[in-house]
Every structure is written in C-alpha cells, then in structure tokens.
C-alpha cells in the first residue's frame, strides 16, 4: 500500500480527522488511480464541511473518473453554488466548465 495513504488512514477517526484530512486522503487515492475510494473520501469531506468548494470540485472529478457522470454533475452543481456563495470565483468557473462537458457527454 502507498505509505502516504497508509499514514493518512491511520489518522481517520482520531482527533485530527476532519474535512482537510479526508480531502488529502481523497487526493492520494486519485493519484493512486482509485477514483471510487477517492470519491468516498471527498464525500466525507463535504459532509464535514458543506462549504469546502475544493472538495466539491475534487468529488466531481473523482466521480467522473469512476464513470459516475450523473453523480459528478450533481457534485459540480452543488460545488458551483457553494463556490459562488463563498466568492470563490475561480473554483466556480472551473466547475462550470466541467459540468458543461458532462452535460454535453450525457446528451450524446
């Protein structure tokens, strides 16, 4: 197993567990080519912090990589709302582009 993933997993359910830890673990799973596990981590991150726009964006990417395009679109749409509310304009723009691509692919 990846030592970075192993290290982060040891911190789960401990005093340092939170949205950032789950987000970091999700990123490591994405790098390791495990988008379904990554998506689960990102879902946990946004459950802990609904306003975490970067985690919403990462969740959309992980779900898209796992071929859950409807789930990815839903994550991006929620992430866009979160990012706009926070004034995170760049994240909102990026997720809008990704969502548009998925809508186009789903329509084909």
N, C-alpha and C. Protein backbone atom coordinates (compact mmCIF):
# COMPACT_ATOMS: atom_id res chain seq x y z
N UNK A 1 0.84 -1.19 0.00
CA UNK A 1 0.00 0.00 0.00
C UNK A 1 0.88 1.25 0.00
N UNK A 2 0.36 2.30 -0.57
CA UNK A 2 1.03 3.59 -0.63
C UNK A 2 1.27 4.11 0.79
N UNK A 3 2.53 4.43 1.15
CA UNK A 3 2.82 4.88 2.52
C UNK A 3 2.09 6.17 2.91
N UNK A 4 1.87 7.05 1.95
CA UNK A 4 1.15 8.29 2.24
C UNK A 4 -0.31 7.98 2.59
N UNK A 5 -0.93 7.10 1.82
CA UNK A 5 -2.31 6.70 2.10
C UNK A 5 -2.38 6.02 3.46
N UNK A 6 -1.44 5.12 3.72
CA UNK A 6 -1.40 4.41 4.99
C UNK A 6 -1.31 5.39 6.16
N UNK A 7 -0.44 6.37 6.03
CA UNK A 7 -0.24 7.37 7.08
C UNK A 7 -1.52 8.17 7.33
N UNK A 8 -2.18 8.59 6.25
CA UNK A 8 -3.41 9.38 6.39
C UNK A 8 -4.54 8.53 6.97
N UNK A 9 -4.61 7.27 6.55
CA UNK A 9 -5.68 6.40 7.06
C UNK A 9 -5.55 6.15 8.56
N UNK A 10 -4.33 6.15 9.05
CA UNK A 10 -4.11 5.95 10.49
C UNK A 10 -4.72 7.10 11.31
N UNK A 11 -4.84 8.27 10.69
CA UNK A 11 -5.39 9.43 11.40
C UNK A 11 -6.92 9.48 11.38
N UNK A 12 -7.55 8.64 10.55
CA UNK A 12 -9.01 8.64 10.47
C UNK A 12 -9.62 8.30 11.83
N UNK A 13 -10.71 8.95 12.12
CA UNK A 13 -11.45 8.74 13.37
C UNK A 13 -10.67 9.13 14.62
N UNK A 14 -9.59 9.88 14.43
CA UNK A 14 -8.81 10.38 15.55
C UNK A 14 -9.08 11.86 15.75
N UNK A 15 -8.32 12.49 16.63
CA UNK A 15 -8.56 13.91 16.92
C UNK A 15 -8.29 14.84 15.74
N UNK A 16 -7.50 14.41 14.76
CA UNK A 16 -7.19 15.25 13.62
C UNK A 16 -8.09 14.98 12.41
N UNK A 17 -9.05 14.07 12.59
CA UNK A 17 -9.95 13.73 11.49
C UNK A 17 -10.87 14.92 11.20
N UNK A 18 -11.00 15.23 9.95
CA UNK A 18 -11.87 16.33 9.55
C UNK A 18 -11.88 16.44 8.04
N UNK A 19 -12.48 17.50 7.55
CA UNK A 19 -12.63 17.69 6.12
C UNK A 19 -11.27 17.72 5.40
N UNK A 20 -10.29 18.40 5.97
CA UNK A 20 -8.98 18.50 5.32
C UNK A 20 -8.29 17.14 5.22
N UNK A 21 -8.35 16.34 6.27
CA UNK A 21 -7.75 15.01 6.23
C UNK A 21 -8.43 14.15 5.17
N UNK A 22 -9.76 14.19 5.13
CA UNK A 22 -10.50 13.40 4.14
C UNK A 22 -10.18 13.87 2.72
N UNK A 23 -10.06 15.19 2.55
CA UNK A 23 -9.71 15.77 1.25
C UNK A 23 -8.31 15.30 0.83
N UNK A 24 -7.36 15.36 1.75
CA UNK A 24 -5.98 14.94 1.46
C UNK A 24 -5.93 13.46 1.09
N UNK A 25 -6.66 12.63 1.82
CA UNK A 25 -6.68 11.20 1.54
C UNK A 25 -7.32 10.95 0.17
N UNK A 26 -8.38 11.67 -0.14
CA UNK A 26 -9.01 11.54 -1.44
C UNK A 26 -8.06 11.87 -2.57
N UNK A 27 -7.27 12.93 -2.40
CA UNK A 27 -6.29 13.29 -3.42
C UNK A 27 -5.26 12.19 -3.62
N UNK A 28 -4.85 11.57 -2.53
CA UNK A 28 -3.87 10.47 -2.65
C UNK A 28 -4.48 9.28 -3.39
N UNK A 29 -5.75 8.98 -3.10
CA UNK A 29 -6.41 7.89 -3.83
C UNK A 29 -6.55 8.22 -5.31
N UNK A 30 -6.84 9.49 -5.63
CA UNK A 30 -6.91 9.88 -7.05
C UNK A 30 -5.57 9.65 -7.73
N UNK A 31 -4.49 10.08 -7.08
CA UNK A 31 -3.14 9.88 -7.65
C UNK A 31 -2.84 8.41 -7.84
N UNK A 32 -3.37 7.57 -6.94
CA UNK A 32 -3.11 6.13 -6.99
C UNK A 32 -4.03 5.42 -7.99
N UNK A 33 -4.90 6.19 -8.67
CA UNK A 33 -5.78 5.58 -9.66
C UNK A 33 -6.97 4.86 -9.07
N UNK A 34 -7.42 5.30 -7.90
CA UNK A 34 -8.57 4.68 -7.26
C UNK A 34 -9.68 5.72 -7.05
N UNK A 35 -10.36 6.09 -8.16
CA UNK A 35 -11.33 7.18 -8.07
C UNK A 35 -12.54 6.88 -7.19
N UNK A 36 -12.97 5.63 -7.09
CA UNK A 36 -14.13 5.32 -6.24
C UNK A 36 -13.79 5.55 -4.77
N UNK A 37 -12.59 5.12 -4.36
CA UNK A 37 -12.16 5.37 -2.97
C UNK A 37 -11.97 6.86 -2.75
N UNK A 38 -11.43 7.55 -3.74
CA UNK A 38 -11.24 9.00 -3.64
C UNK A 38 -12.59 9.69 -3.46
N UNK A 39 -13.57 9.29 -4.26
CA UNK A 39 -14.90 9.90 -4.18
C UNK A 39 -15.49 9.73 -2.79
N UNK A 40 -15.30 8.57 -2.21
CA UNK A 40 -15.81 8.32 -0.86
C UNK A 40 -15.17 9.29 0.14
N UNK A 41 -13.88 9.51 0.01
CA UNK A 41 -13.17 10.45 0.89
C UNK A 41 -13.69 11.86 0.70
N UNK A 42 -13.86 12.27 -0.56
CA UNK A 42 -14.36 13.62 -0.82
C UNK A 42 -15.79 13.80 -0.32
N UNK A 43 -16.62 12.75 -0.43
CA UNK A 43 -17.99 12.82 0.12
C UNK A 43 -17.92 13.05 1.62
N UNK A 44 -17.01 12.33 2.28
CA UNK A 44 -16.84 12.52 3.72
C UNK A 44 -16.37 13.94 4.03
N UNK A 45 -15.51 14.49 3.18
CA UNK A 45 -15.01 15.86 3.40
C UNK A 45 -16.15 16.87 3.31
N UNK A 46 -17.00 16.76 2.27
CA UNK A 46 -18.09 17.73 2.14
C UNK A 46 -19.19 17.49 3.17
N UNK A 47 -19.32 16.26 3.66
CA UNK A 47 -20.26 16.01 4.76
C UNK A 47 -19.82 16.75 6.02
N UNK A 48 -18.51 16.84 6.21
CA UNK A 48 -17.96 17.52 7.38
C UNK A 48 -17.92 19.03 7.22
N UNK A 49 -17.79 19.49 5.96
CA UNK A 49 -17.73 20.93 5.68
C UNK A 49 -18.42 21.19 4.34
N UNK A 50 -19.69 21.51 4.41
CA UNK A 50 -20.50 21.72 3.20
C UNK A 50 -19.99 22.88 2.35
N UNK A 51 -19.20 23.78 2.93
CA UNK A 51 -18.70 24.94 2.23
C UNK A 51 -17.30 24.78 1.65
N UNK A 52 -16.82 23.56 1.55
CA UNK A 52 -15.46 23.27 1.08
C UNK A 52 -15.49 23.12 -0.44
N UNK A 53 -15.39 24.23 -1.16
CA UNK A 53 -15.55 24.20 -2.62
C UNK A 53 -14.50 23.33 -3.31
N UNK A 54 -13.28 23.31 -2.82
CA UNK A 54 -12.24 22.47 -3.43
C UNK A 54 -12.61 20.99 -3.32
N UNK A 55 -13.23 20.60 -2.22
CA UNK A 55 -13.63 19.21 -2.05
C UNK A 55 -14.80 18.86 -2.99
N UNK A 56 -15.70 19.81 -3.20
CA UNK A 56 -16.79 19.58 -4.16
C UNK A 56 -16.21 19.37 -5.56
N UNK A 57 -15.24 20.19 -5.94
CA UNK A 57 -14.62 20.08 -7.26
C UNK A 57 -13.92 18.72 -7.39
N UNK A 58 -13.19 18.33 -6.36
CA UNK A 58 -12.48 17.05 -6.37
C UNK A 58 -13.46 15.88 -6.40
N UNK A 59 -14.58 16.02 -5.69
CA UNK A 59 -15.60 14.97 -5.69
C UNK A 59 -16.15 14.79 -7.11
N UNK A 60 -16.42 15.89 -7.79
CA UNK A 60 -16.90 15.79 -9.16
C UNK A 60 -15.90 15.08 -10.06
N UNK A 61 -14.62 15.42 -9.92
CA UNK A 61 -13.58 14.79 -10.72
C UNK A 61 -13.49 13.29 -10.43
N UNK A 62 -13.50 12.94 -9.16
CA UNK A 62 -13.38 11.53 -8.78
C UNK A 62 -14.57 10.73 -9.31
N UNK A 63 -15.78 11.28 -9.19
CA UNK A 63 -16.96 10.58 -9.69
C UNK A 63 -16.92 10.44 -11.20
N UNK A 64 -16.46 11.49 -11.89
CA UNK A 64 -16.33 11.41 -13.35
C UNK A 64 -15.31 10.34 -13.72
N UNK A 65 -14.19 10.31 -13.01
CA UNK A 65 -13.15 9.30 -13.27
C UNK A 65 -13.66 7.89 -13.00
N UNK A 66 -14.63 7.77 -12.08
CA UNK A 66 -15.21 6.47 -11.75
C UNK A 66 -16.41 6.15 -12.64
N UNK A 67 -16.62 6.96 -13.67
CA UNK A 67 -17.72 6.80 -14.63
C UNK A 67 -19.10 6.99 -14.03
N UNK A 68 -19.19 7.75 -12.95
CA UNK A 68 -20.49 8.14 -12.38
C UNK A 68 -20.74 9.58 -12.82
N UNK A 69 -21.15 9.73 -14.09
CA UNK A 69 -21.28 11.07 -14.66
C UNK A 69 -22.44 11.85 -14.06
N UNK A 70 -23.53 11.16 -13.76
CA UNK A 70 -24.66 11.85 -13.13
C UNK A 70 -24.27 12.34 -11.73
N UNK A 71 -23.56 11.51 -11.00
CA UNK A 71 -23.07 11.91 -9.67
C UNK A 71 -22.08 13.05 -9.74
N UNK A 72 -21.20 13.00 -10.75
CA UNK A 72 -20.22 14.07 -10.94
C UNK A 72 -20.92 15.38 -11.25
N UNK A 73 -21.92 15.33 -12.11
CA UNK A 73 -22.66 16.54 -12.46
C UNK A 73 -23.34 17.12 -11.23
N UNK A 74 -23.95 16.27 -10.42
CA UNK A 74 -24.60 16.74 -9.18
C UNK A 74 -23.58 17.38 -8.23
N UNK A 75 -22.40 16.77 -8.12
CA UNK A 75 -21.36 17.32 -7.25
C UNK A 75 -20.88 18.67 -7.75
N UNK A 76 -20.66 18.77 -9.06
CA UNK A 76 -20.24 20.05 -9.63
C UNK A 76 -21.30 21.13 -9.43
N UNK A 77 -22.56 20.77 -9.65
CA UNK A 77 -23.64 21.76 -9.49
C UNK A 77 -23.70 22.28 -8.06
N UNK A 78 -23.59 21.37 -7.10
CA UNK A 78 -23.58 21.79 -5.69
C UNK A 78 -22.33 22.60 -5.40
N UNK A 79 -21.20 22.17 -5.94
CA UNK A 79 -19.94 22.87 -5.74
C UNK A 79 -19.97 24.29 -6.30
N UNK A 80 -20.61 24.46 -7.44
CA UNK A 80 -20.74 25.80 -8.04
C UNK A 80 -21.51 26.72 -7.11
N UNK A 81 -22.61 26.22 -6.56
CA UNK A 81 -23.40 27.02 -5.61
C UNK A 81 -22.58 27.41 -4.39
N UNK A 82 -21.85 26.44 -3.85
CA UNK A 82 -21.01 26.67 -2.67
C UNK A 82 -19.94 27.71 -2.99
N UNK A 83 -19.27 27.52 -4.12
CA UNK A 83 -18.18 28.42 -4.50
C UNK A 83 -18.70 29.85 -4.73
N UNK A 84 -19.84 29.97 -5.40
CA UNK A 84 -20.42 31.29 -5.64
C UNK A 84 -20.80 31.97 -4.33
N UNK A 85 -21.36 31.21 -3.40
CA UNK A 85 -21.75 31.75 -2.10
C UNK A 85 -20.54 32.26 -1.33
N UNK A 86 -19.41 31.53 -1.45
CA UNK A 86 -18.18 31.92 -0.75
C UNK A 86 -17.38 32.98 -1.48
N UNK A 87 -17.76 33.27 -2.73
CA UNK A 87 -16.97 34.20 -3.52
C UNK A 87 -15.73 33.57 -4.13
N UNK A 88 -15.73 32.24 -4.21
CA UNK A 88 -14.61 31.50 -4.79
C UNK A 88 -14.84 31.40 -6.30
N UNK A 89 -14.62 32.51 -6.98
CA UNK A 89 -14.98 32.65 -8.39
C UNK A 89 -14.24 31.66 -9.29
N UNK A 90 -12.95 31.47 -9.06
CA UNK A 90 -12.16 30.57 -9.90
C UNK A 90 -12.69 29.14 -9.83
N UNK A 91 -12.95 28.66 -8.64
CA UNK A 91 -13.48 27.29 -8.49
C UNK A 91 -14.84 27.17 -9.17
N UNK A 92 -15.68 28.19 -9.03
CA UNK A 92 -17.00 28.16 -9.67
C UNK A 92 -16.85 28.09 -11.19
N UNK A 93 -15.92 28.88 -11.75
CA UNK A 93 -15.70 28.87 -13.20
C UNK A 93 -15.23 27.49 -13.67
N UNK A 94 -14.28 26.92 -12.94
CA UNK A 94 -13.75 25.61 -13.33
C UNK A 94 -14.84 24.55 -13.29
N UNK A 95 -15.61 24.53 -12.21
CA UNK A 95 -16.67 23.53 -12.10
C UNK A 95 -17.76 23.73 -13.15
N UNK A 96 -18.01 24.98 -13.53
CA UNK A 96 -18.99 25.26 -14.58
C UNK A 96 -18.54 24.64 -15.90
N UNK A 97 -17.26 24.76 -16.22
CA UNK A 97 -16.72 24.16 -17.44
C UNK A 97 -16.84 22.64 -17.38
N UNK A 98 -16.45 22.04 -16.25
CA UNK A 98 -16.52 20.58 -16.11
C UNK A 98 -17.97 20.09 -16.21
N UNK A 99 -18.88 20.81 -15.58
CA UNK A 99 -20.30 20.43 -15.61
C UNK A 99 -20.84 20.50 -17.03
N UNK A 100 -20.43 21.54 -17.76
CA UNK A 100 -20.89 21.71 -19.14
C UNK A 100 -20.43 20.53 -19.99
N UNK A 101 -19.18 20.10 -19.79
CA UNK A 101 -18.65 18.95 -20.55
C UNK A 101 -19.44 17.69 -20.26
N UNK A 102 -19.78 17.49 -18.98
CA UNK A 102 -20.52 16.29 -18.61
C UNK A 102 -21.93 16.34 -19.19
N UNK A 103 -22.59 17.50 -19.10
CA UNK A 103 -23.93 17.63 -19.68
C UNK A 103 -23.91 17.29 -21.18
N UNK A 104 -22.88 17.78 -21.86
CA UNK A 104 -22.74 17.52 -23.30
C UNK A 104 -22.56 16.01 -23.55
N UNK A 105 -21.68 15.39 -22.76
CA UNK A 105 -21.43 13.96 -22.92
C UNK A 105 -22.68 13.13 -22.61
N UNK A 106 -23.44 13.53 -21.60
CA UNK A 106 -24.66 12.80 -21.24
C UNK A 106 -25.73 12.95 -22.32
N UNK A 107 -25.73 14.08 -23.01
CA UNK A 107 -26.72 14.33 -24.06
C UNK A 107 -26.43 13.55 -25.34
N UNK A 108 -25.18 13.13 -25.51
CA UNK A 108 -24.80 12.41 -26.75
C UNK A 108 -25.22 10.97 -26.73
